Amino acid sequence: MDAHSFQIGMDGFIWFIGTVENIEDPLCVGRCKVRCIGWHDGDTEKLSTADLPYAYPIAPVSQSSTGHNLRPGDWVVGFFLDGKLAQQPMIFGVLPAIPQSHT
């Protein structure tokens, strides 16, 4: 998607709560895979972790590194940079939660 094909904030602010499933980022820029409740099917047979879009954690300006403290199983809150298209998730916080088994 071209950055000029939508106006940030003009299409509606779409937020999510999700679970971090994978923190391995082949580009080493801090991205992770998050399954967003209500947006991504919970059945990993229908939508695998590998097929989830990468989410970018938002860091304070005082933290210029690409590291984060997210772990698989963490619950996060964020928004979709591309609104209803929901393919560019951004994480702006972690919710206190006890990781649950998905069995």
PDB file of N, CA and C in Angstrom:
ATOM      1  N   MET A   1       0.830  -1.177   0.000  1.00  0.00           N
ATOM      2  CA  MET A   1       0.000   0.000   0.000  1.00  0.00           C
ATOM      3  C   MET A   1       0.872   1.236   0.000  1.00  0.00           C
ATOM      4  N   ASP A   2       0.541   2.173  -0.815  1.00  0.00           N
ATOM      5  CA  ASP A   2       1.218   3.455  -0.920  1.00  0.00           C
ATOM      6  C   ASP A   2       0.811   4.356   0.242  1.00  0.00           C
ATOM      7  N   ALA A   3       1.775   5.024   0.840  1.00  0.00           N
ATOM      8  CA  ALA A   3       1.502   5.890   1.997  1.00  0.00           C
ATOM      9  C   ALA A   3       0.556   7.033   1.652  1.00  0.00           C
ATOM     10  N   HIS A   4       0.438   7.363   0.380  1.00  0.00           N
ATOM     11  CA  HIS A   4      -0.441   8.463  -0.017  1.00  0.00           C
ATOM     12  C   HIS A   4      -1.848   7.996  -0.371  1.00  0.00           C
ATOM     13  N   SER A   5      -2.126   6.708  -0.272  1.00  0.00           N
ATOM     14  CA  SER A   5      -3.444   6.201  -0.653  1.00  0.00           C
ATOM     15  C   SER A   5      -4.448   6.269   0.492  1.00  0.00           C
ATOM     16  N   PHE A   6      -4.030   6.724   1.670  1.00  0.00           N
ATOM     17  CA  PHE A   6      -4.941   6.947   2.784  1.00  0.00           C
ATOM     18  C   PHE A   6      -4.403   8.096   3.630  1.00  0.00           C
ATOM     19  N   GLN A   7      -5.284   8.696   4.394  1.00  0.00           N
ATOM     20  CA  GLN A   7      -4.870   9.774   5.274  1.00  0.00           C
ATOM     21  C   GLN A   7      -4.933   9.278   6.703  1.00  0.00           C
ATOM     22  N   ILE A   8      -3.814   9.263   7.383  1.00  0.00           N
ATOM     23  CA  ILE A   8      -3.752   8.767   8.749  1.00  0.00           C
ATOM     24  C   ILE A   8      -4.685   9.589   9.629  1.00  0.00           C
ATOM     25  N   GLY A   9      -5.550   8.879  10.358  1.00  0.00           N
ATOM     26  CA  GLY A   9      -6.480   9.528  11.261  1.00  0.00           C
ATOM     27  C   GLY A   9      -7.771   9.985  10.614  1.00  0.00           C
ATOM     28  N   MET A  10      -7.833   9.998   9.305  1.00  0.00           N
ATOM     29  CA  MET A  10      -9.034  10.472   8.612  1.00  0.00           C
ATOM     30  C   MET A  10     -10.016   9.340   8.331  1.00  0.00           C
ATOM     31  N   ASP A  11      -9.549   8.108   8.324  1.00  0.00           N
ATOM     32  CA  ASP A  11     -10.404   6.965   8.017  1.00  0.00           C
ATOM     33  C   ASP A  11     -10.982   6.310   9.269  1.00  0.00           C
ATOM     34  N   GLY A  12     -10.765   6.877  10.419  1.00  0.00           N
ATOM     35  CA  GLY A  12     -11.233   6.265  11.659  1.00  0.00           C
ATOM     36  C   GLY A  12     -10.088   5.572  12.372  1.00  0.00           C
ATOM     37  N   PHE A  13     -10.050   5.741  13.687  1.00  0.00           N
ATOM     38  CA  PHE A  13      -9.003   5.127  14.494  1.00  0.00           C
ATOM     39  C   PHE A  13      -9.455   3.725  14.867  1.00  0.00           C
ATOM     40  N   ILE A  14      -8.788   2.703  14.376  1.00  0.00           N
ATOM     41  CA  ILE A  14      -9.145   1.313  14.617  1.00  0.00           C
ATOM     42  C   ILE A  14      -8.094   0.711  15.544  1.00  0.00           C
ATOM     43  N   TRP A  15      -8.497   0.368  16.759  1.00  0.00           N
ATOM     44  CA  TRP A  15      -7.565  -0.178  17.735  1.00  0.00           C
ATOM     45  C   TRP A  15      -7.832  -1.666  17.942  1.00  0.00           C
ATOM     46  N   PHE A  16      -6.895  -2.337  18.607  1.00  0.00           N
ATOM     47  CA  PHE A  16      -7.037  -3.774  18.850  1.00  0.00           C
ATOM     48  C   PHE A  16      -6.388  -4.164  20.168  1.00  0.00           C
ATOM     49  N   ILE A  17      -6.778  -5.335  20.645  1.00  0.00           N
ATOM     50  CA  ILE A  17      -6.082  -6.050  21.711  1.00  0.00           C
ATOM     51  C   ILE A  17      -5.684  -7.376  21.094  1.00  0.00           C
ATOM     52  N   GLY A  18      -4.484  -7.817  21.343  1.00  0.00           N
ATOM     53  CA  GLY A  18      -4.026  -9.059  20.741  1.00  0.00           C
ATOM     54  C   GLY A  18      -3.004  -9.770  21.599  1.00  0.00           C
ATOM     55  N   THR A  19      -2.591 -10.930  21.130  1.00  0.00           N
ATOM     56  CA  THR A  19      -1.611 -11.753  21.819  1.00  0.00           C
ATOM     57  C   THR A  19      -0.367 -11.887  20.942  1.00  0.00           C
ATOM     58  N   VAL A  20       0.795 -11.622  21.526  1.00  0.00           N
ATOM     59  CA  VAL A  20       2.055 -11.791  20.807  1.00  0.00           C
ATOM     60  C   VAL A  20       2.269 -13.286  20.588  1.00  0.00           C
ATOM     61  N   GLU A  21       2.489 -13.684  19.338  1.00  0.00           N
ATOM     62  CA  GLU A  21       2.725 -15.096  19.032  1.00  0.00           C
ATOM     63  C   GLU A  21       4.164 -15.392  18.660  1.00  0.00           C
ATOM     64  N   ASN A  22       4.865 -14.416  18.100  1.00  0.00           N
ATOM     65  CA  ASN A  22       6.235 -14.668  17.649  1.00  0.00           C
ATOM     66  C   ASN A  22       7.006 -13.356  17.687  1.00  0.00           C
ATOM     67  N   ILE A  23       8.209 -13.379  18.255  1.00  0.00           N
ATOM     68  CA  ILE A  23       9.025 -12.167  18.320  1.00  0.00           C
ATOM     69  C   ILE A  23      10.250 -12.242  17.409  1.00  0.00           C
ATOM     70  N   GLU A  24      10.347 -13.289  16.622  1.00  0.00           N
ATOM     71  CA  GLU A  24      11.474 -13.443  15.699  1.00  0.00           C
ATOM     72  C   GLU A  24      11.244 -12.562  14.476  1.00  0.00           C
ATOM     73  N   ASP A  25      12.119 -11.609  14.263  1.00  0.00           N
ATOM     74  CA  ASP A  25      12.008 -10.691  13.130  1.00  0.00           C
ATOM     75  C   ASP A  25      13.220 -10.865  12.232  1.00  0.00           C
ATOM     76  N   PRO A  26      13.037 -11.374  11.009  1.00  0.00           N
ATOM     77  CA  PRO A  26      14.183 -11.592  10.124  1.00  0.00           C
ATOM     78  C   PRO A  26      14.912 -10.299   9.753  1.00  0.00           C
ATOM     79  N   LEU A  27      14.248  -9.151   9.844  1.00  0.00           N
ATOM     80  CA  LEU A  27      14.909  -7.881   9.544  1.00  0.00           C
ATOM     81  C   LEU A  27      15.565  -7.255  10.774  1.00  0.00           C
ATOM     82  N   CYS A  28      15.334  -7.853  11.941  1.00  0.00           N
ATOM     83  CA  CYS A  28      15.918  -7.376  13.208  1.00  0.00           C
ATOM     84  C   CYS A  28      15.611  -5.898  13.482  1.00  0.00           C
ATOM     85  N   VAL A  29      14.350  -5.504  13.235  1.00  0.00           N
ATOM     86  CA  VAL A  29      13.938  -4.129  13.520  1.00  0.00           C
ATOM     87  C   VAL A  29      12.890  -4.071  14.632  1.00  0.00           C
ATOM     88  N   GLY A  30      12.683  -5.189  15.344  1.00  0.00           N
ATOM     89  CA  GLY A  30      11.809  -5.192  16.506  1.00  0.00           C
ATOM     90  C   GLY A  30      10.366  -5.577  16.248  1.00  0.00           C
ATOM     91  N   ARG A  31      10.046  -5.999  15.045  1.00  0.00           N
ATOM     92  CA  ARG A  31       8.667  -6.386  14.740  1.00  0.00           C
ATOM     93  C   ARG A  31       8.316  -7.707  15.408  1.00  0.00           C
ATOM     94  N   CYS A  32       7.012  -7.959  15.536  1.00  0.00           N
ATOM     95  CA  CYS A  32       6.555  -9.245  16.055  1.00  0.00           C
ATOM     96  C   CYS A  32       5.208  -9.590  15.427  1.00  0.00           C
ATOM     97  N   LYS A  33       4.811 -10.830  15.566  1.00  0.00           N
ATOM     98  CA  LYS A  33       3.535 -11.299  15.034  1.00  0.00           C
ATOM     99  C   LYS A  33       2.516 -11.287  16.175  1.00  0.00           C
ATOM    100  N   VAL A  34       1.395 -10.597  15.967  1.00  0.00           N
ATOM    101  CA  VAL A  34       0.348 -10.466  16.975  1.00  0.00           C
ATOM    102  C   VAL A  34      -0.966 -10.944  16.378  1.00  0.00           C
ATOM    103  N   ARG A  35      -1.670 -11.819  17.112  1.00  0.00           N
ATOM    104  CA  ARG A  35      -3.005 -12.261  16.702  1.00  0.00           C
ATOM    105  C   ARG A  35      -4.006 -11.320  17.375  1.00  0.00           C
ATOM    106  N   CYS A  36      -4.662 -10.494  16.581  1.00  0.00           N
ATOM    107  CA  CYS A  36      -5.568  -9.463  17.081  1.00  0.00           C
ATOM    108  C   CYS A  36      -6.967 -10.035  17.259  1.00  0.00           C
ATOM    109  N   ILE A  37      -7.482  -9.924  18.482  1.00  0.00           N
ATOM    110  CA  ILE A  37      -8.796 -10.465  18.818  1.00  0.00           C
ATOM    111  C   ILE A  37      -9.867  -9.779  17.973  1.00  0.00           C
ATOM    112  N   GLY A  38     -10.696 -10.589  17.321  1.00  0.00           N
ATOM    113  CA  GLY A  38     -11.765 -10.063  16.494  1.00  0.00           C
ATOM    114  C   GLY A  38     -11.360  -9.741  15.065  1.00  0.00           C
ATOM    115  N   TRP A  39     -10.067  -9.693  14.806  1.00  0.00           N
ATOM    116  CA  TRP A  39      -9.561  -9.399  13.465  1.00  0.00           C
ATOM    117  C   TRP A  39      -8.917 -10.619  12.828  1.00  0.00           C
ATOM    118  N   HIS A  40      -8.211 -11.395  13.621  1.00  0.00           N
ATOM    119  CA  HIS A  40      -7.518 -12.573  13.095  1.00  0.00           C
ATOM    120  C   HIS A  40      -8.145 -13.824  13.685  1.00  0.00           C
ATOM    121  N   ASP A  41      -8.486 -14.759  12.838  1.00  0.00           N
ATOM    122  CA  ASP A  41      -9.092 -16.011  13.269  1.00  0.00           C
ATOM    123  C   ASP A  41      -8.195 -16.678  14.310  1.00  0.00           C
ATOM    124  N   GLY A  42      -8.780 -17.149  15.398  1.00  0.00           N
ATOM    125  CA  GLY A  42      -8.021 -17.821  16.449  1.00  0.00           C
ATOM    126  C   GLY A  42      -7.562 -19.212  16.071  1.00  0.00           C
ATOM    127  N   ASP A  43      -8.105 -19.765  14.997  1.00  0.00           N
ATOM    128  CA  ASP A  43      -7.752 -21.095  14.518  1.00  0.00           C
ATOM    129  C   ASP A  43      -6.482 -20.999  13.679  1.00  0.00           C
ATOM    130  N   THR A  44      -5.367 -21.511  14.218  1.00  0.00           N
ATOM    131  CA  THR A  44      -4.095 -21.416  13.496  1.00  0.00           C
ATOM    132  C   THR A  44      -4.048 -22.291  12.245  1.00  0.00           C
ATOM    133  N   GLU A  45      -5.036 -23.172  12.090  1.00  0.00           N
ATOM    134  CA  GLU A  45      -5.127 -23.940  10.843  1.00  0.00           C
ATOM    135  C   GLU A  45      -5.653 -23.036   9.723  1.00  0.00           C
ATOM    136  N   LYS A  46      -6.524 -22.086  10.072  1.00  0.00           N
ATOM    137  CA  LYS A  46      -7.086 -21.160   9.077  1.00  0.00           C
ATOM    138  C   LYS A  46      -6.160 -19.977   8.820  1.00  0.00           C
ATOM    139  N   LEU A  47      -5.511 -19.480   9.885  1.00  0.00           N
ATOM    140  CA  LEU A  47      -4.571 -18.364   9.762  1.00  0.00           C
ATOM    141  C   LEU A  47      -3.366 -18.664  10.639  1.00  0.00           C
ATOM    142  N   SER A  48      -2.280 -19.079  10.000  1.00  0.00           N
ATOM    143  CA  SER A  48      -1.080 -19.457  10.747  1.00  0.00           C
ATOM    144  C   SER A  48      -0.370 -18.221  11.288  1.00  0.00           C
ATOM    145  N   THR A  49       0.459 -18.418  12.284  1.00  0.00           N
ATOM    146  CA  THR A  49       1.256 -17.323  12.836  1.00  0.00           C
ATOM    147  C   THR A  49       2.109 -16.688  11.745  1.00  0.00           C
ATOM    148  N   ALA A  50       2.677 -17.505  10.877  1.00  0.00           N
ATOM    149  CA  ALA A  50       3.527 -16.990   9.793  1.00  0.00           C
ATOM    150  C   ALA A  50       2.767 -16.057   8.863  1.00  0.00           C
ATOM    151  N   ASP A  51       1.453 -16.241   8.729  1.00  0.00           N
ATOM    152  CA  ASP A  51       0.658 -15.412   7.822  1.00  0.00           C
ATOM    153  C   ASP A  51       0.136 -14.123   8.456  1.00  0.00           C
ATOM    154  N   LEU A  52       0.355 -13.942   9.759  1.00  0.00           N
ATOM    155  CA  LEU A  52      -0.052 -12.697  10.402  1.00  0.00           C
ATOM    156  C   LEU A  52       0.845 -11.560   9.924  1.00  0.00           C
ATOM    157  N   PRO A  53       0.311 -10.340   9.832  1.00  0.00           N
ATOM    158  CA  PRO A  53       1.190  -9.215   9.474  1.00  0.00           C
ATOM    159  C   PRO A  53       2.127  -8.894  10.633  1.00  0.00           C
ATOM    160  N   TYR A  54       3.274  -8.316  10.338  1.00  0.00           N
ATOM    161  CA  TYR A  54       4.186  -7.883  11.389  1.00  0.00           C
ATOM    162  C   TYR A  54       3.640  -6.635  12.065  1.00  0.00           C
ATOM    163  N   ALA A  55       3.758  -6.579  13.386  1.00  0.00           N
ATOM    164  CA  ALA A  55       3.374  -5.413  14.165  1.00  0.00           C
ATOM    165  C   ALA A  55       4.646  -4.704  14.624  1.00  0.00           C
ATOM    166  N   TYR A  56       4.601  -3.386  14.602  1.00  0.00           N
ATOM    167  CA  TYR A  56       5.733  -2.579  15.041  1.00  0.00           C
ATOM    168  C   TYR A  56       5.454  -2.002  16.418  1.00  0.00           C
ATOM    169  N   PRO A  57       6.271  -2.315  17.419  1.00  0.00           N
ATOM    170  CA  PRO A  57       6.107  -1.672  18.725  1.00  0.00           C
ATOM    171  C   PRO A  57       6.539  -0.205  18.651  1.00  0.00           C
ATOM    172  N   ILE A  58       5.766   0.666  19.269  1.00  0.00           N
ATOM    173  CA  ILE A  58       6.121   2.077  19.346  1.00  0.00           C
ATOM    174  C   ILE A  58       6.992   2.260  20.591  1.00  0.00           C
ATOM    175  N   ALA A  59       8.119   2.923  20.425  1.00  0.00           N
ATOM    176  CA  ALA A  59       9.054   3.125  21.536  1.00  0.00           C
ATOM    177  C   ALA A  59       9.183   4.624  21.808  1.00  0.00           C
ATOM    178  N   PRO A  60       9.528   4.987  23.048  1.00  0.00           N
ATOM    179  CA  PRO A  60       9.751   6.404  23.329  1.00  0.00           C
ATOM    180  C   PRO A  60      10.950   6.933  22.545  1.00  0.00           C
ATOM    181  N   VAL A  61      10.963   8.231  22.310  1.00  0.00           N
ATOM    182  CA  VAL A  61      12.053   8.819  21.527  1.00  0.00           C
ATOM    183  C   VAL A  61      13.405   8.656  22.210  1.00  0.00           C
ATOM    184  N   SER A  62      13.402   8.409  23.508  1.00  0.00           N
ATOM    185  CA  SER A  62      14.662   8.210  24.226  1.00  0.00           C
ATOM    186  C   SER A  62      15.244   6.813  24.018  1.00  0.00           C
ATOM    187  N   GLN A  63      14.480   5.939  23.380  1.00  0.00           N
ATOM    188  CA  GLN A  63      14.946   4.578  23.117  1.00  0.00           C
ATOM    189  C   GLN A  63      15.115   4.404  21.617  1.00  0.00           C
ATOM    190  N   SER A  64      16.331   4.571  21.130  1.00  0.00           N
ATOM    191  CA  SER A  64      16.565   4.519  19.691  1.00  0.00           C
ATOM    192  C   SER A  64      16.888   3.124  19.176  1.00  0.00           C
ATOM    193  N   SER A  65      17.037   2.150  20.077  1.00  0.00           N
ATOM    194  CA  SER A  65      17.356   0.791  19.625  1.00  0.00           C
ATOM    195  C   SER A  65      16.092   0.107  19.114  1.00  0.00           C
ATOM    196  N   THR A  66      16.268  -1.015  18.464  1.00  0.00           N
ATOM    197  CA  THR A  66      15.131  -1.757  17.929  1.00  0.00           C
ATOM    198  C   THR A  66      14.720  -2.899  18.840  1.00  0.00           C
ATOM    199  N   GLY A  67      15.230  -2.924  20.055  1.00  0.00           N
ATOM    200  CA  GLY A  67      14.880  -3.990  20.987  1.00  0.00           C
ATOM    201  C   GLY A  67      13.587  -3.676  21.739  1.00  0.00           C
ATOM    202  N   HIS A  68      12.960  -4.703  22.259  1.00  0.00           N
ATOM    203  CA  HIS A  68      11.770  -4.552  23.096  1.00  0.00           C
ATOM    204  C   HIS A  68      11.755  -5.696  24.098  1.00  0.00           C
ATOM    205  N   ASN A  69      10.849  -5.633  25.043  1.00  0.00           N
ATOM    206  CA  ASN A  69      10.749  -6.670  26.066  1.00  0.00           C
ATOM    207  C   ASN A  69       9.524  -7.553  25.877  1.00  0.00           C
ATOM    208  N   LEU A  70       8.923  -7.534  24.710  1.00  0.00           N
ATOM    209  CA  LEU A  70       7.747  -8.364  24.463  1.00  0.00           C
ATOM    210  C   LEU A  70       8.131  -9.833  24.430  1.00  0.00           C
ATOM    211  N   ARG A  71       7.195 -10.668  24.906  1.00  0.00           N
ATOM    212  CA  ARG A  71       7.397 -12.116  24.903  1.00  0.00           C
ATOM    213  C   ARG A  71       6.169 -12.790  24.300  1.00  0.00           C
ATOM    214  N   PRO A  72       6.326 -13.946  23.685  1.00  0.00           N
ATOM    215  CA  PRO A  72       5.149 -14.688  23.222  1.00  0.00           C
ATOM    216  C   PRO A  72       4.202 -14.919  24.395  1.00  0.00           C
ATOM    217  N   GLY A  73       2.929 -14.682  24.165  1.00  0.00           N
ATOM    218  CA  GLY A  73       1.916 -14.825  25.198  1.00  0.00           C
ATOM    219  C   GLY A  73       1.503 -13.497  25.816  1.00  0.00           C
ATOM    220  N   ASP A  74       2.328 -12.446  25.648  1.00  0.00           N
ATOM    221  CA  ASP A  74       1.950 -11.129  26.167  1.00  0.00           C
ATOM    222  C   ASP A  74       0.715 -10.602  25.443  1.00  0.00           C
ATOM    223  N   TRP A  75      -0.140  -9.925  26.198  1.00  0.00           N
ATOM    224  CA  TRP A  75      -1.295  -9.249  25.609  1.00  0.00           C
ATOM    225  C   TRP A  75      -0.878  -7.806  25.332  1.00  0.00           C
ATOM    226  N   VAL A  76      -1.199  -7.315  24.149  1.00  0.00           N
ATOM    227  CA  VAL A  76      -0.813  -5.969  23.759  1.00  0.00           C
ATOM    228  C   VAL A  76      -2.035  -5.205  23.258  1.00  0.00           C
ATOM    229  N   VAL A  77      -1.916  -3.881  23.276  1.00  0.00           N
ATOM    230  CA  VAL A  77      -2.948  -3.015  22.725  1.00  0.00           C
ATOM    231  C   VAL A  77      -2.273  -2.136  21.676  1.00  0.00           C
ATOM    232  N   GLY A  78      -2.997  -1.872  20.615  1.00  0.00           N
ATOM    233  CA  GLY A  78      -2.421  -1.073  19.541  1.00  0.00           C
ATOM    234  C   GLY A  78      -3.487  -0.576  18.588  1.00  0.00           C
ATOM    235  N   PHE A  79      -3.043  -0.143  17.441  1.00  0.00           N
ATOM    236  CA  PHE A  79      -3.958   0.359  16.414  1.00  0.00           C
ATOM    237  C   PHE A  79      -3.419  -0.035  15.046  1.00  0.00           C
ATOM    238  N   PHE A  80      -4.302   0.047  14.059  1.00  0.00           N
ATOM    239  CA  PHE A  80      -3.906  -0.252  12.687  1.00  0.00           C
ATOM    240  C   PHE A  80      -3.606   1.059  11.979  1.00  0.00           C
ATOM    241  N   LEU A  81      -2.388   1.225  11.533  1.00  0.00           N
ATOM    242  CA  LEU A  81      -1.969   2.426  10.833  1.00  0.00           C
ATOM    243  C   LEU A  81      -2.794   2.637   9.564  1.00  0.00           C
ATOM    244  N   ASP A  82      -3.241   1.542   8.955  1.00  0.00           N
ATOM    245  CA  ASP A  82      -4.015   1.619   7.718  1.00  0.00           C
ATOM    246  C   ASP A  82      -5.520   1.451   7.953  1.00  0.00           C
ATOM    247  N   GLY A  83      -5.983   1.723   9.171  1.00  0.00           N
ATOM    248  CA  GLY A  83      -7.421   1.688   9.469  1.00  0.00           C
ATOM    249  C   GLY A  83      -8.046   0.330   9.252  1.00  0.00           C
ATOM    250  N   LYS A  84      -9.183   0.297   8.572  1.00  0.00           N
ATOM    251  CA  LYS A  84      -9.953  -0.935   8.388  1.00  0.00           C
ATOM    252  C   LYS A  84      -9.253  -1.989   7.543  1.00  0.00           C
ATOM    253  N   LEU A  85      -8.222  -1.628   6.816  1.00  0.00           N
ATOM    254  CA  LEU A  85      -7.482  -2.638   6.047  1.00  0.00           C
ATOM    255  C   LEU A  85      -6.757  -3.594   6.988  1.00  0.00           C
ATOM    256  N   ALA A  86      -6.374  -3.102   8.163  1.00  0.00           N
ATOM    257  CA  ALA A  86      -5.823  -3.909   9.263  1.00  0.00           C
ATOM    258  C   ALA A  86      -4.612  -4.755   8.872  1.00  0.00           C
ATOM    259  N   GLN A  87      -3.712  -4.176   8.086  1.00  0.00           N
ATOM    260  CA  GLN A  87      -2.508  -4.901   7.680  1.00  0.00           C
ATOM    261  C   GLN A  87      -1.229  -4.264   8.215  1.00  0.00           C
ATOM    262  N   GLN A  88      -1.347  -3.120   8.919  1.00  0.00           N
ATOM    263  CA  GLN A  88      -0.171  -2.437   9.454  1.00  0.00           C
ATOM    264  C   GLN A  88      -0.381  -2.147  10.936  1.00  0.00           C
ATOM    265  N   PRO A  89      -0.297  -3.202  11.780  1.00  0.00           N
ATOM    266  CA  PRO A  89      -0.513  -2.997  13.210  1.00  0.00           C
ATOM    267  C   PRO A  89       0.681  -2.330  13.897  1.00  0.00           C
ATOM    268  N   MET A  90       0.351  -1.444  14.821  1.00  0.00           N
ATOM    269  CA  MET A  90       1.328  -0.755  15.653  1.00  0.00           C
ATOM    270  C   MET A  90       0.974  -1.059  17.107  1.00  0.00           C
ATOM    271  N   ILE A  91       1.964  -1.389  17.930  1.00  0.00           N
ATOM    272  CA  ILE A  91       1.732  -1.717  19.341  1.00  0.00           C
ATOM    273  C   ILE A  91       2.147  -0.521  20.187  1.00  0.00           C
ATOM    274  N   PHE A  92       1.226  -0.041  21.058  1.00  0.00           N
ATOM    275  CA  PHE A  92       1.637   1.049  21.931  1.00  0.00           C
ATOM    276  C   PHE A  92       1.591   0.707  23.414  1.00  0.00           C
ATOM    277  N   GLY A  93       1.290  -0.532  23.752  1.00  0.00           N
ATOM    278  CA  GLY A  93       1.333  -0.902  25.153  1.00  0.00           C
ATOM    279  C   GLY A  93       1.149  -2.382  25.387  1.00  0.00           C
ATOM    280  N   VAL A  94       1.532  -2.800  26.582  1.00  0.00           N
ATOM    281  CA  VAL A  94       1.372  -4.183  27.014  1.00  0.00           C
ATOM    282  C   VAL A  94       0.370  -4.195  28.155  1.00  0.00           C
ATOM    283  N   LEU A  95      -0.564  -5.145  28.124  1.00  0.00           N
ATOM    284  CA  LEU A  95      -1.559  -5.288  29.184  1.00  0.00           C
ATOM    285  C   LEU A  95      -1.071  -6.313  30.194  1.00  0.00           C
ATOM    286  N   PRO A  96      -1.245  -6.051  31.480  1.00  0.00           N
ATOM    287  CA  PRO A  96      -0.857  -7.056  32.459  1.00  0.00           C
ATOM    288  C   PRO A  96      -1.776  -8.261  32.311  1.00  0.00           C
ATOM    289  N   ALA A  97      -1.203  -9.415  32.090  1.00  0.00           N
ATOM    290  CA  ALA A  97      -1.998 -10.630  31.889  1.00  0.00           C
ATOM    291  C   ALA A  97      -1.140 -11.842  32.214  1.00  0.00           C
ATOM    292  N   ILE A  98      -1.809 -12.922  32.505  1.00  0.00           N
ATOM    293  CA  ILE A  98      -1.135 -14.195  32.713  1.00  0.00           C
ATOM    294  C   ILE A  98      -1.277 -14.979  31.428  1.00  0.00           C
ATOM    295  N   PRO A  99      -0.148 -15.319  30.763  1.00  0.00           N
ATOM    296  CA  PRO A  99      -0.239 -16.073  29.516  1.00  0.00           C
ATOM    297  C   PRO A  99      -1.070 -17.336  29.675  1.00  0.00           C
ATOM    298  N   GLN A 100      -1.919 -17.605  28.703  1.00  0.00           N
ATOM    299  CA  GLN A 100      -2.803 -18.758  28.716  1.00  0.00           C
ATOM    300  C   GLN A 100      -2.361 -19.754  27.653  1.00  0.00           C
ATOM    301  N   SER A 101      -2.586 -21.016  27.912  1.00  0.00           N
ATOM    302  CA  SER A 101      -2.304 -22.057  26.938  1.00  0.00           C
ATOM    303  C   SER A 101      -3.373 -21.998  25.846  1.00  0.00           C
ATOM    304  N   HIS A 102      -2.972 -22.230  24.611  1.00  0.00           N
ATOM    305  CA  HIS A 102      -3.898 -22.207  23.485  1.00  0.00           C
ATOM    306  C   HIS A 102      -4.302 -23.623  23.068  1.00  0.00           C
ATOM    307  N   THR A 103      -4.255 -24.578  23.996  1.00  0.00           N
ATOM    308  CA  THR A 103      -4.610 -25.958  23.653  1.00  0.00           C
ATOM    309  C   THR A 103      -6.071 -26.222  23.838  1.00  0.00           C
TER     310      THR A 103
END
